[in-house]
C-alpha atoms as a PDB file:
ATOM      1  CA  MET A   1      66.682-106.478  33.230  1.00  0.00           C
ATOM      2  CA  MET A   2      67.870-105.581  29.733  1.00  0.00           C
ATOM      3  CA  LYS A   3      68.099-101.821  29.162  1.00  0.00           C
ATOM      4  CA  MET A   4      66.163-100.274  26.297  1.00  0.00           C
ATOM      5  CA  GLU A   5      68.555 -99.257  23.555  1.00  0.00           C
ATOM      6  CA  ARG A   6      68.473 -95.810  21.962  1.00  0.00           C
ATOM      7  CA  PHE A   7      70.330 -94.372  19.007  1.00  0.00           C
ATOM      8  CA  CYS A   8      73.658 -92.745  19.876  1.00  0.00           C
ATOM      9  CA  GLN A   9      74.817 -90.191  17.303  1.00  0.00           C
ATOM     10  CA  THR A  10      78.416 -90.452  18.517  1.00  0.00           C
ATOM     11  CA  CYS A  11      78.531 -94.251  18.119  1.00  0.00           C
ATOM     12  CA  ASP A  12      76.220 -94.076  15.098  1.00  0.00           C
ATOM     13  CA  GLN A  13      74.260 -97.087  16.332  1.00  0.00           C
ATOM     14  CA  PHE A  14      71.780 -98.166  18.994  1.00  0.00           C
ATOM     15  CA  ARG A  15      73.291 -98.409  22.475  1.00  0.00           C
ATOM     16  CA  PRO A  16      72.095 -99.072  26.051  1.00  0.00           C
ATOM     17  CA  SER A  17      71.814 -95.883  28.103  1.00  0.00           C
ATOM     18  CA  HIS A  18      71.148 -94.405  31.521  1.00  0.00           C
ATOM     19  CA  VAL A  19      70.065 -91.050  32.964  1.00  0.00           C
ATOM     20  CA  GLU A  20      72.324 -88.895  35.123  1.00  0.00           C
ATOM     21  CA  GLU A  21      72.644 -85.247  36.211  1.00  0.00           C
ATOM     22  CA  ARG A  22      74.967 -83.155  34.067  1.00  0.00           C
ATOM     23  CA  GLU A  23      75.527 -79.566  33.085  1.00  0.00           C
ATOM     24  CA  GLU A  24      74.587 -78.559  29.563  1.00  0.00           C
ATOM     25  CA  THR A  25      75.021 -75.214  27.833  1.00  0.00           C
ATOM     26  CA  PHE A  26      72.424 -73.715  25.490  1.00  0.00           C
ATOM     27  CA  THR A  27      72.734 -70.578  23.401  1.00  0.00           C
ATOM     28  CA  VAL A  28      69.671 -68.443  24.116  1.00  0.00           C
ATOM     29  CA  ARG A  29      69.416 -65.325  21.957  1.00  0.00           C
ATOM     30  CA  GLY A  30      73.179 -65.291  21.515  1.00  0.00           C
ATOM     31  CA  GLU A  31      73.934 -65.796  25.211  1.00  0.00           C
ATOM     32  CA  PRO A  32      75.380 -69.055  26.622  1.00  0.00           C
ATOM     33  CA  ILE A  33      73.184 -70.417  29.416  1.00  0.00           C
ATOM     34  CA  THR A  34      74.472 -73.372  31.456  1.00  0.00           C
ATOM     35  CA  VAL A  35      71.944 -75.391  33.457  1.00  0.00           C
ATOM     36  CA  ARG A  36      72.110 -78.671  35.347  1.00  0.00           C
ATOM     37  CA  GLY A  37      69.574 -81.452  35.006  1.00  0.00           C
ATOM     38  CA  PRO A  38      68.922 -85.071  33.995  1.00  0.00           C
ATOM     39  CA  VAL A  39      70.230 -86.116  30.563  1.00  0.00           C
ATOM     40  CA  ARG A  40      70.463 -89.457  28.793  1.00  0.00           C
ATOM     41  CA  ILE A  41      73.983 -90.903  28.550  1.00  0.00           C
ATOM     42  CA  CYS A  42      75.318 -93.627  26.256  1.00  0.00           C
ATOM     43  CA  ASP A  43      76.661 -96.560  28.300  1.00  0.00           C
ATOM     44  CA  VAL A  44      79.400 -97.204  25.723  1.00  0.00           C
ATOM     45  CA  CYS A  45      80.910 -93.811  24.805  1.00  0.00           C
ATOM     46  CA  GLY A  46      79.621 -91.744  27.732  1.00  0.00           C
ATOM     47  CA  GLU A  47      78.296 -88.949  25.514  1.00  0.00           C
ATOM     48  CA  ILE A  48      74.882 -87.296  25.792  1.00  0.00           C
ATOM     49  CA  MET A  49      72.170 -88.948  23.672  1.00  0.00           C
ATOM     50  CA  GLY A  50      69.010 -87.331  22.348  1.00  0.00           C
ATOM     51  CA  ASP A  51      65.944 -87.633  24.581  1.00  0.00           C
ATOM     52  CA  GLU A  52      63.046 -85.422  23.542  1.00  0.00           C
ATOM     53  CA  GLU A  53      61.395 -85.278  26.968  1.00  0.00           C
ATOM     54  CA  LEU A  54      64.563 -84.683  29.007  1.00  0.00           C
ATOM     55  CA  ASP A  55      66.061 -82.266  26.469  1.00  0.00           C
ATOM     56  CA  GLY A  56      62.822 -80.282  26.303  1.00  0.00           C
ATOM     57  CA  ALA A  57      62.680 -79.925  30.088  1.00  0.00           C
ATOM     58  CA  LEU A  58      66.304 -78.782  30.173  1.00  0.00           C
ATOM     59  CA  LEU A  59      65.682 -76.209  27.425  1.00  0.00           C
ATOM     60  CA  VAL A  60      62.747 -74.777  29.392  1.00  0.00           C
ATOM     61  CA  LYS A  61      65.070 -74.567  32.399  1.00  0.00           C
ATOM     62  CA  ALA A  62      67.588 -72.640  30.270  1.00  0.00           C
ATOM     63  CA  TYR A  63      64.853 -70.289  29.048  1.00  0.00           C
ATOM     64  CA  ASN A  64      63.770 -69.672  32.634  1.00  0.00           C
ATOM     65  CA  GLU A  65      67.357 -68.889  33.653  1.00  0.00           C
ATOM     66  CA  TYR A  66      67.538 -66.403  30.751  1.00  0.00           C
ATOM     67  CA  ARG A  67      64.265 -64.881  31.965  1.00  0.00           C
ATOM     68  CA  ARG A  68      65.675 -64.580  35.492  1.00  0.00           C
ATOM     69  CA  ARG A  69      68.849 -62.856  34.277  1.00  0.00           C
ATOM     70  CA  HIS A  70      66.962 -60.385  32.103  1.00  0.00           C
ATOM     71  CA  GLY A  71      63.966 -59.787  34.343  1.00  0.00           C
ATOM     72  CA  LEU A  72      61.388 -61.364  32.023  1.00  0.00           C
ATOM     73  CA  LEU A  73      58.092 -62.822  33.199  1.00  0.00           C
ATOM     74  CA  MET A  74      57.938 -66.560  33.891  1.00  0.00           C
ATOM     75  CA  PRO A  75      55.317 -68.740  32.101  1.00  0.00           C
ATOM     76  CA  GLU A  76      53.209 -69.093  35.253  1.00  0.00           C
ATOM     77  CA  GLU A  77      53.208 -65.290  35.667  1.00  0.00           C
ATOM     78  CA  ILE A  78      51.985 -64.851  32.089  1.00  0.00           C
ATOM     79  CA  ARG A  79      49.194 -67.338  32.753  1.00  0.00           C
ATOM     80  CA  ALA A  80      48.214 -65.452  35.915  1.00  0.00           C
ATOM     81  CA  ILE A  81      47.997 -62.151  33.988  1.00  0.00           C
ATOM     82  CA  ARG A  82      45.619 -63.701  31.462  1.00  0.00           C
ATOM     83  CA  GLU A  83      43.510 -65.315  34.168  1.00  0.00           C
ATOM     84  CA  GLN A  84      43.350 -61.946  35.960  1.00  0.00           C
ATOM     85  CA  TYR A  85      40.994 -60.882  33.149  1.00  0.00           C
ATOM     86  CA  ASN A  86      39.083 -64.190  32.791  1.00  0.00           C
ATOM     87  CA  LEU A  87      40.248 -64.553  29.175  1.00  0.00           C
ATOM     88  CA  SER A  88      41.021 -67.608  27.068  1.00  0.00           C
ATOM     89  CA  GLN A  89      44.500 -67.832  25.548  1.00  0.00           C
ATOM     90  CA  THR A  90      43.136 -66.990  22.099  1.00  0.00           C
ATOM     91  CA  ALA A  91      41.049 -64.040  23.310  1.00  0.00           C
ATOM     92  CA  ALA A  92      43.924 -62.541  25.319  1.00  0.00           C
ATOM     93  CA  ALA A  93      46.191 -62.686  22.262  1.00  0.00           C
ATOM     94  CA  LYS A  94      43.563 -61.084  20.023  1.00  0.00           C
ATOM     95  CA  LEU A  95      42.980 -58.311  22.559  1.00  0.00           C
ATOM     96  CA  LEU A  96      46.680 -57.422  22.372  1.00  0.00           C
ATOM     97  CA  GLY A  97      46.718 -57.710  18.578  1.00  0.00           C
ATOM     98  CA  TRP A  98      48.993 -60.768  18.618  1.00  0.00           C
ATOM     99  CA  ASP A  99      48.860 -64.070  16.767  1.00  0.00           C
ATOM    100  CA  PRO A 100      46.076 -66.174  18.377  1.00  0.00           C
ATOM    101  CA  SER A 101      48.539 -68.869  19.514  1.00  0.00           C
ATOM    102  CA  THR A 102      50.923 -66.477  21.311  1.00  0.00           C
ATOM    103  CA  PHE A 103      49.671 -66.961  24.879  1.00  0.00           C
ATOM    104  CA  ALA A 104      49.563 -70.742  24.458  1.00  0.00           C
ATOM    105  CA  ARG A 105      53.220 -70.745  23.364  1.00  0.00           C
ATOM    106  CA  TYR A 106      54.396 -68.443  26.145  1.00  0.00           C
ATOM    107  CA  GLU A 107      52.507 -70.327  28.846  1.00  0.00           C
ATOM    108  CA  ASN A 108      54.019 -73.597  27.597  1.00  0.00           C
ATOM    109  CA  GLY A 109      57.551 -72.231  27.935  1.00  0.00           C
ATOM    110  CA  ALA A 110      58.375 -70.455  24.654  1.00  0.00           C
ATOM    111  CA  LEU A 111      60.557 -67.390  25.259  1.00  0.00           C
ATOM    112  CA  GLN A 112      58.635 -64.141  24.865  1.00  0.00           C
ATOM    113  CA  LYS A 113      59.837 -61.059  22.998  1.00  0.00           C
ATOM    114  CA  LYS A 114      60.998 -58.150  25.166  1.00  0.00           C
ATOM    115  CA  ASP A 115      58.325 -55.791  23.777  1.00  0.00           C
ATOM    116  CA  HIS A 116      55.673 -58.439  24.462  1.00  0.00           C
ATOM    117  CA  ASP A 117      56.967 -58.772  28.015  1.00  0.00           C
ATOM    118  CA  GLU A 118      56.557 -55.025  28.513  1.00  0.00           C
ATOM    119  CA  LEU A 119      52.960 -55.145  27.252  1.00  0.00           C
ATOM    120  CA  LEU A 120      52.189 -58.085  29.534  1.00  0.00           C
ATOM    121  CA  ARG A 121      53.466 -56.130  32.540  1.00  0.00           C
ATOM    122  CA  ARG A 122      51.334 -53.175  31.562  1.00  0.00           C
ATOM    123  CA  MET A 123      48.353 -55.493  31.196  1.00  0.00           C
ATOM    124  CA  ARG A 124      49.029 -56.765  34.721  1.00  0.00           C
ATOM    125  CA  ASP A 125      49.468 -53.346  36.320  1.00  0.00           C
ATOM    126  CA  ASP A 126      47.276 -50.904  34.388  1.00  0.00           C
ATOM    127  CA  LYS A 127      43.587 -51.754  34.319  1.00  0.00           C
ATOM    128  CA  GLU A 128      42.733 -48.426  32.661  1.00  0.00           C
ATOM    129  CA  TRP A 129      45.081 -49.266  29.792  1.00  0.00           C
ATOM    130  CA  VAL A 130      43.365 -52.645  29.402  1.00  0.00           C
ATOM    131  CA  ARG A 131      39.993 -50.876  29.448  1.00  0.00           C
ATOM    132  CA  ALA A 132      41.158 -48.580  26.615  1.00  0.00           C
ATOM    133  CA  LEU A 133      42.561 -51.591  24.758  1.00  0.00           C
ATOM    134  CA  TYR A 134      39.186 -53.294  25.110  1.00  0.00           C
ATOM    135  CA  ARG A 135      37.409 -50.301  23.575  1.00  0.00           C
ATOM    136  CA  GLN A 136      39.863 -50.474  20.663  1.00  0.00           C
ATOM    137  CA  ASN A 137      40.087 -54.247  20.093  1.00  0.00           C
ATOM    138  CA  GLY A 138      37.034 -55.672  21.853  1.00  0.00           C
ATOM    139  CA  HIS A 139      35.374 -56.429  18.518  1.00  0.00           C
ATOM    140  CA  ARG A 140      38.089 -59.017  17.841  1.00  0.00           C
ATOM    141  CA  ILE A 141      36.976 -61.346  20.635  1.00  0.00           C
ATOM    142  CA  SER A 142      33.758 -63.288  21.074  1.00  0.00           C
ATOM    143  CA  SER A 143      30.757 -62.006  22.978  1.00  0.00           C
ATOM    144  CA  LEU A 144      31.291 -64.476  25.815  1.00  0.00           C
ATOM    145  CA  GLN A 145      34.927 -63.396  26.215  1.00  0.00           C
ATOM    146  CA  ARG A 146      33.856 -59.729  26.173  1.00  0.00           C
ATOM    147  CA  GLN A 147      31.408 -60.398  28.988  1.00  0.00           C
ATOM    148  CA  ARG A 148      34.123 -62.106  31.048  1.00  0.00           C
ATOM    149  CA  LEU A 149      36.530 -59.225  30.481  1.00  0.00           C
ATOM    150  CA  GLU A 150      33.890 -56.657  31.364  1.00  0.00           C
ATOM    151  CA  LEU A 151      33.247 -58.489  34.622  1.00  0.00           C
ATOM    152  CA  ALA A 152      36.965 -58.340  35.432  1.00  0.00           C
ATOM    153  CA  LEU A 153      37.020 -54.627  34.563  1.00  0.00           C
ATOM    154  CA  ASN A 154      33.893 -53.989  36.641  1.00  0.00           C
ATOM    155  CA  GLU A 155      32.063 -52.809  33.546  1.00  0.00           C
ATOM    156  CA  ILE A 156      28.427 -53.402  34.448  1.00  0.00           C
ATOM    157  CA  ARG A 157      26.045 -53.022  31.547  1.00  0.00           C
ATOM    158  CA  GLU A 158      23.299 -54.962  29.842  1.00  0.00           C
ATOM    159  CA  PRO A 159      24.545 -56.951  26.830  1.00  0.00           C
ATOM    160  CA  THR A 160      23.086 -55.973  23.477  1.00  0.00           C
ATOM    161  CA  LYS A 161      20.819 -58.323  21.557  1.00  0.00           C
ATOM    162  CA  ILE A 162      23.651 -59.053  19.123  1.00  0.00           C
ATOM    163  CA  GLU A 163      26.067 -59.827  21.978  1.00  0.00           C
ATOM    164  CA  GLU A 164      23.514 -62.156  23.554  1.00  0.00           C
ATOM    165  CA  THR A 165      23.098 -63.963  20.235  1.00  0.00           C
ATOM    166  CA  GLU A 166      26.867 -64.349  19.782  1.00  0.00           C
ATOM    167  CA  ALA A 167      27.160 -65.703  23.323  1.00  0.00           C
ATOM    168  CA  THR A 168      24.406 -68.206  22.505  1.00  0.00           C
ATOM    169  CA  PHE A 169      26.283 -69.497  19.446  1.00  0.00           C
ATOM    170  CA  GLU A 170      29.453 -69.798  21.502  1.00  0.00           C
ATOM    171  CA  ARG A 171      27.617 -71.852  24.120  1.00  0.00           C
ATOM    172  CA  LEU A 172      26.077 -74.097  21.448  1.00  0.00           C
ATOM    173  CA  ASN A 173      29.498 -75.313  20.357  1.00  0.00           C
ATOM    174  CA  LYS A 174      31.154 -77.467  23.018  1.00  0.00           C
ATOM    175  CA  GLU A 175      34.158 -78.254  20.785  1.00  0.00           C
ATOM    176  CA  GLY A 176      35.380 -74.898  19.485  1.00  0.00           C
ATOM    177  CA  GLU A 177      35.297 -71.128  19.847  1.00  0.00           C
ATOM    178  CA  PHE A 178      32.764 -69.219  17.747  1.00  0.00           C
ATOM    179  CA  ASN A 179      34.543 -66.592  15.625  1.00  0.00           C
ATOM    180  CA  PRO A 180      32.056 -64.094  14.146  1.00  0.00           C
ATOM    181  CA  GLY A 181      34.806 -62.015  12.512  1.00  0.00           C
ATOM    182  CA  LYS A 182      35.977 -64.919  10.361  1.00  0.00           C
ATOM    183  CA  LEU A 183      32.391 -65.980   9.710  1.00  0.00           C
ATOM    184  CA  PHE A 184      31.727 -62.545   8.176  1.00  0.00           C
ATOM    185  CA  THR A 185      34.799 -62.889   5.950  1.00  0.00           C
ATOM    186  CA  VAL A 186      33.854 -66.394   4.790  1.00  0.00           C
ATOM    187  CA  ILE A 187      30.346 -65.220   3.886  1.00  0.00           C
ATOM    188  CA  ARG A 188      31.709 -62.350   1.821  1.00  0.00           C
ATOM    189  CA  LEU A 189      34.114 -64.708   0.020  1.00  0.00           C
ATOM    190  CA  ILE A 190      31.251 -67.072  -0.836  1.00  0.00           C
ATOM    191  CA  THR A 191      29.451 -64.223  -2.585  1.00  0.00           C
ATOM    192  CA  GLU A 192      32.599 -62.975  -4.332  1.00  0.00           C
ATOM    193  CA  LYS A 193      33.413 -66.427  -5.707  1.00  0.00           C
ATOM    194  CA  ALA A 194      29.992 -68.055  -6.156  1.00  0.00           C
ATOM    195  CA  GLY A 195      27.561 -65.118  -6.325  1.00  0.00           C
ATOM    196  CA  LYS A 196      24.214 -65.075  -4.554  1.00  0.00           C
ATOM    197  CA  VAL A 197      23.263 -68.577  -3.434  1.00  0.00           C
ATOM    198  CA  SER A 198      20.112 -70.126  -2.031  1.00  0.00           C
ATOM    199  CA  LYS A 199      19.712 -70.477   1.722  1.00  0.00           C
ATOM    200  CA  SER A 200      20.137 -74.253   1.524  1.00  0.00           C
ATOM    201  CA  VAL A 201      23.330 -73.999  -0.533  1.00  0.00           C
ATOM    202  CA  PHE A 202      24.699 -71.256   1.731  1.00  0.00           C
ATOM    203  CA  LEU A 203      24.260 -73.347   4.875  1.00  0.00           C
ATOM    204  CA  LYS A 204      26.010 -76.331   3.242  1.00  0.00           C
ATOM    205  CA  TYR A 205      28.944 -74.101   2.267  1.00  0.00           C
ATOM    206  CA  LEU A 206      29.404 -73.185   5.930  1.00  0.00           C
ATOM    207  CA  PHE A 207      29.365 -76.845   6.977  1.00  0.00           C
ATOM    208  CA  TYR A 208      31.856 -77.948   4.338  1.00  0.00           C
ATOM    209  CA  ILE A 209      34.231 -75.038   5.025  1.00  0.00           C
ATOM    210  CA  ASP A 210      34.408 -75.645   8.781  1.00  0.00           C
ATOM    211  CA  PHE A 211      34.637 -79.425   8.417  1.00  0.00           C
ATOM    212  CA  LEU A 212      37.270 -79.345   5.670  1.00  0.00           C
ATOM    213  CA  SER A 213      39.325 -77.016   7.866  1.00  0.00           C
ATOM    214  CA  LEU A 214      38.946 -79.570  10.665  1.00  0.00           C
ATOM    215  CA  LYS A 215      39.981 -82.381   8.318  1.00  0.00           C
ATOM    216  CA  TRP A 216      43.054 -80.558   7.014  1.00  0.00           C
ATOM    217  CA  HIS A 217      44.120 -78.523  10.046  1.00  0.00           C
ATOM    218  CA  GLU A 218      42.225 -79.997  13.035  1.00  0.00           C
ATOM    219  CA  LYS A 219      40.426 -76.735  13.805  1.00  0.00           C
ATOM    220  CA  PRO A 220      37.406 -74.944  12.320  1.00  0.00           C
ATOM    221  CA  ILE A 221      37.495 -71.475  10.802  1.00  0.00           C
ATOM    222  CA  MET A 222      34.171 -70.146  12.093  1.00  0.00           C
ATOM    223  CA  GLY A 223      33.579 -72.422  15.076  1.00  0.00           C
ATOM    224  CA  LEU A 224      29.887 -73.124  14.498  1.00  0.00           C
ATOM    225  CA  ALA A 225      28.088 -76.243  15.715  1.00  0.00           C
ATOM    226  CA  TYR A 226      26.362 -78.316  12.997  1.00  0.00           C
ATOM    227  CA  ILE A 227      23.423 -80.714  13.129  1.00  0.00           C
ATOM    228  CA  LYS A 228      21.887 -83.405  10.931  1.00  0.00           C
ATOM    229  CA  ASN A 229      18.863 -81.826   9.234  1.00  0.00           C
ATOM    230  CA  HIS A 230      16.402 -83.230   6.689  1.00  0.00           C
ATOM    231  CA  TYR A 231      18.110 -81.327   3.871  1.00  0.00           C
ATOM    232  CA  GLY A 232      21.639 -82.186   4.987  1.00  0.00           C
ATOM    233  CA  PRO A 233      24.149 -80.917   7.576  1.00  0.00           C
ATOM    234  CA  VAL A 234      23.528 -77.289   8.599  1.00  0.00           C
ATOM    235  CA  PRO A 235      24.544 -74.931  11.422  1.00  0.00           C
ATOM    236  CA  GLN A 236      22.630 -75.473  14.645  1.00  0.00           C
ATOM    237  CA  SER A 237      19.860 -72.845  15.081  1.00  0.00           C
ATOM    238  CA  HIS A 238      20.414 -71.830  11.454  1.00  0.00           C
ATOM    239  CA  ASP A 239      17.335 -69.604  11.242  1.00  0.00           C
ATOM    240  CA  GLU A 240      18.529 -67.633  14.276  1.00  0.00           C
ATOM    241  CA  LEU A 241      21.984 -67.501  12.659  1.00  0.00           C
ATOM    242  CA  LEU A 242      20.568 -65.933   9.498  1.00  0.00           C
ATOM    243  CA  ASP A 243      18.553 -63.414  11.532  1.00  0.00           C
ATOM    244  CA  TYR A 244      21.728 -62.491  13.414  1.00  0.00           C
ATOM    245  CA  LEU A 245      23.774 -62.151  10.206  1.00  0.00           C
ATOM    246  CA  GLU A 246      21.108 -59.891   8.750  1.00  0.00           C
ATOM    247  CA  ALA A 247      20.994 -57.796  11.943  1.00  0.00           C
ATOM    248  CA  VAL A 248      24.754 -57.124  11.852  1.00  0.00           C
ATOM    249  CA  GLY A 249      24.661 -56.368   8.115  1.00  0.00           C
ATOM    250  CA  ALA A 250      26.710 -59.406   7.076  1.00  0.00           C
ATOM    251  CA  VAL A 251      24.072 -60.722   4.647  1.00  0.00           C
ATOM    252  CA  HIS A 252      21.313 -59.430   2.434  1.00  0.00           C
ATOM    253  CA  ARG A 253      18.358 -61.824   2.176  1.00  0.00           C
ATOM    254  CA  GLU A 254      16.193 -61.776  -0.924  1.00  0.00           C
ATOM    255  CA  LYS A 255      12.893 -63.636  -1.137  1.00  0.00           C
ATOM    256  CA  ILE A 256      11.993 -64.885  -4.609  1.00  0.00           C
ATOM    257  CA  LYS A 257       8.921 -66.660  -5.931  1.00  0.00           C
ATOM    258  CA  ARG A 258       9.296 -69.098  -8.793  1.00  0.00           C
ATOM    259  CA  LYS A 259       6.339 -70.298 -10.800  1.00  0.00           C
ATOM    260  CA  GLY A 260       5.005 -73.543  -9.398  1.00  0.00           C
ATOM    261  CA  GLU A 261       7.564 -73.592  -6.589  1.00  0.00           C
ATOM    262  CA  ASP A 262       7.688 -72.530  -2.964  1.00  0.00           C
ATOM    263  CA  GLU A 263       9.199 -69.203  -2.076  1.00  0.00           C
ATOM    264  CA  ALA A 264      12.998 -69.377  -2.044  1.00  0.00           C
ATOM    265  CA  GLU A 265      15.598 -67.203  -0.362  1.00  0.00           C
ATOM    266  CA  LEU A 266      18.872 -65.963  -1.817  1.00  0.00           C
ATOM    267  CA  ILE A 267      21.794 -65.032   0.438  1.00  0.00           C
ATOM    268  CA  GLU A 268      24.340 -62.354  -0.472  1.00  0.00           C
ATOM    269  CA  GLY A 269      27.360 -61.597   1.721  1.00  0.00           C
ATOM    270  CA  MET A 270      28.019 -57.948   2.562  1.00  0.00           C
ATOM    271  CA  PRO A 271      31.189 -56.180   3.813  1.00  0.00           C
ATOM    272  CA  VAL A 272      31.271 -55.788   7.609  1.00  0.00           C
ATOM    273  CA  GLU A 273      33.688 -53.687   9.663  1.00  0.00           C
ATOM    274  CA  ARG A 274      34.180 -56.494  12.203  1.00  0.00           C
ATOM    275  CA  ALA A 275      35.332 -58.962   9.535  1.00  0.00           C
ATOM    276  CA  GLU A 276      38.702 -60.574  10.326  1.00  0.00           C
ATOM    277  CA  PRO A 277      41.251 -61.553   7.649  1.00  0.00           C
ATOM    278  CA  LEU A 278      41.785 -65.270   7.077  1.00  0.00           C
ATOM    279  CA  GLU A 279      45.127 -67.045   7.205  1.00  0.00           C
ATOM    280  CA  GLU A 280      46.506 -68.377   3.913  1.00  0.00           C
ATOM    281  CA  TYR A 281      45.626 -71.963   4.825  1.00  0.00           C
ATOM    282  CA  GLU A 282      42.077 -70.864   5.676  1.00  0.00           C
ATOM    283  CA  LEU A 283      41.730 -69.120   2.315  1.00  0.00           C
ATOM    284  CA  ASP A 284      42.856 -72.368   0.654  1.00  0.00           C
ATOM    285  CA  VAL A 285      40.057 -74.234   2.459  1.00  0.00           C
ATOM    286  CA  VAL A 286      37.413 -71.714   1.380  1.00  0.00           C
ATOM    287  CA  ASP A 287      38.643 -71.728  -2.231  1.00  0.00           C
ATOM    288  CA  TYR A 288      38.650 -75.539  -2.377  1.00  0.00           C
ATOM    289  CA  VAL A 289      35.112 -75.880  -1.030  1.00  0.00           C
ATOM    290  CA  ILE A 290      33.680 -73.225  -3.316  1.00  0.00           C
ATOM    291  CA  GLU A 291      35.403 -74.656  -6.392  1.00  0.00           C
ATOM    292  CA  THR A 292      34.140 -78.143  -5.482  1.00  0.00           C
ATOM    293  CA  LEU A 293      30.532 -77.160  -4.804  1.00  0.00           C
ATOM    294  CA  LYS A 294      30.078 -74.170  -7.115  1.00  0.00           C
ATOM    295  CA  GLY A 295      27.230 -74.658  -9.559  1.00  0.00           C
ATOM    296  CA  MET A 296      25.280 -77.115  -7.392  1.00  0.00           C
ATOM    297  CA  ASN A 297      21.674 -76.093  -6.798  1.00  0.00           C
ATOM    298  CA  ALA A 298      19.776 -76.822  -3.584  1.00  0.00           C
ATOM    299  CA  GLU A 299      18.607 -80.290  -4.681  1.00  0.00           C
ATOM    300  CA  ARG A 300      21.985 -81.404  -5.965  1.00  0.00           C
ATOM    301  CA  ILE A 301      23.934 -80.205  -2.918  1.00  0.00           C
ATOM    302  CA  LYS A 302      21.351 -81.879  -0.665  1.00  0.00           C
ATOM    303  CA  GLU A 303      21.895 -85.214  -2.439  1.00  0.00           C
ATOM    304  CA  PHE A 304      25.658 -84.689  -2.309  1.00  0.00           C
ATOM    305  CA  SER A 305      25.635 -83.979   1.448  1.00  0.00           C
ATOM    306  CA  HIS A 306      23.341 -86.958   2.135  1.00  0.00           C
ATOM    307  CA  LYS A 307      26.243 -89.223   1.133  1.00  0.00           C
ATOM    308  CA  GLU A 308      28.449 -87.855   3.915  1.00  0.00           C
ATOM    309  CA  PRO A 309      29.096 -90.400   6.702  1.00  0.00           C
ATOM    310  CA  ALA A 310      28.764 -87.492   9.151  1.00  0.00           C
ATOM    311  CA  TRP A 311      25.140 -87.081   8.015  1.00  0.00           C
ATOM    312  CA  ILE A 312      24.308 -90.770   7.456  1.00  0.00           C
ATOM    313  CA  GLU A 313      25.537 -91.934  10.865  1.00  0.00           C
ATOM    314  CA  GLY A 314      23.988 -89.134  12.915  1.00  0.00           C
ATOM    315  CA  GLU A 315      20.599 -88.773  14.566  1.00  0.00           C
ATOM    316  CA  MET A 316      18.148 -86.234  13.144  1.00  0.00           C
ATOM    317  CA  LYS A 317      18.563 -82.783  14.775  1.00  0.00           C
ATOM    318  CA  GLU A 318      21.578 -83.989  16.786  1.00  0.00           C
ATOM    319  CA  VAL A 319      24.952 -82.200  16.739  1.00  0.00           C
ATOM    320  CA  ILE A 320      27.562 -83.693  14.391  1.00  0.00           C
ATOM    321  CA  PRO A 321      30.835 -84.247  16.317  1.00  0.00           C
ATOM    322  CA  TYR A 322      33.896 -82.487  14.928  1.00  0.00           C
ATOM    323  CA  ALA A 323      35.643 -85.881  14.884  1.00  0.00           C
ATOM    324  CA  LYS A 324      33.464 -86.789  11.884  1.00  0.00           C
ATOM    325  CA  ALA A 325      35.440 -84.296   9.783  1.00  0.00           C
ATOM    326  CA  LYS A 326      37.977 -87.025   9.003  1.00  0.00           C
ATOM    327  CA  THR A 327      35.238 -88.867   7.044  1.00  0.00           C
ATOM    328  CA  LEU A 328      34.465 -85.870   4.791  1.00  0.00           C
ATOM    329  CA  ARG A 329      34.189 -86.943   1.156  1.00  0.00           C
ATOM    330  CA  ILE A 330      35.949 -83.872  -0.245  1.00  0.00           C
ATOM    331  CA  GLY A 331      39.571 -82.901   0.257  1.00  0.00           C
END
């Protein structure tokens, strides 16, 4: 059987190759770490060739040897600490005040910082410290994650109405994690950049912001579920969403009566203590959507949204899959 050829940097051309066990030395934080494992070898010159899968596994092995020498936690130990508190990777990182992707990186083999390792050990060993951390940073995680953490901490109490509502919105979305803190920030930005807007326009802004973020970055900002409605795509249970936003002080709702027209409702975003700052790329998404849609009234934005494949191809009142974001007509 003919061997598959791969590019050899030493020979500067494609060569047949094989896999064999060899020692390879990596420099990990300034320290040489030698490990033994399978590597791809050029059949012609005998030098090591690049192989993403084999090289990646060997690098993880080197990281683990560095961890062993310096007494750092292994990836599976970090995962066990998080699972000890029933938390998602994102929620655990937010609780500790870290970047949301930190636990995912560490559990997949990335080498943790020494100060992070110390905090992880404290999280493992000191439940009272975690309880105090929860009182300080609990607002950063979703209601459902708070309930899971409270169960792990043996905190038995009845959830508030607001917490129950947030848990409901998290359960509605099967494809993402509801983030009320970023929702509050987005709402305030809509008002700052577009002023008070009608209820219909406001709900379309939310749809376009989450779906453009999905189109550009493959993840939503707010993590709401959206459905096909008569007036266009809107958040699922949107009336309950507005009631919730009013209850937490994130919006001010103003009823207005125009001559010869039905009563309308204007939405104004308000500052909220639980608001979370957006990343630069998320701010770019919000700015783009608002600049694109600003000035459209309820009728015009309805007609605009009715041309979206995500709306056209869906069933009335059914959830619009996040995969439809790639068909979005803006961006």
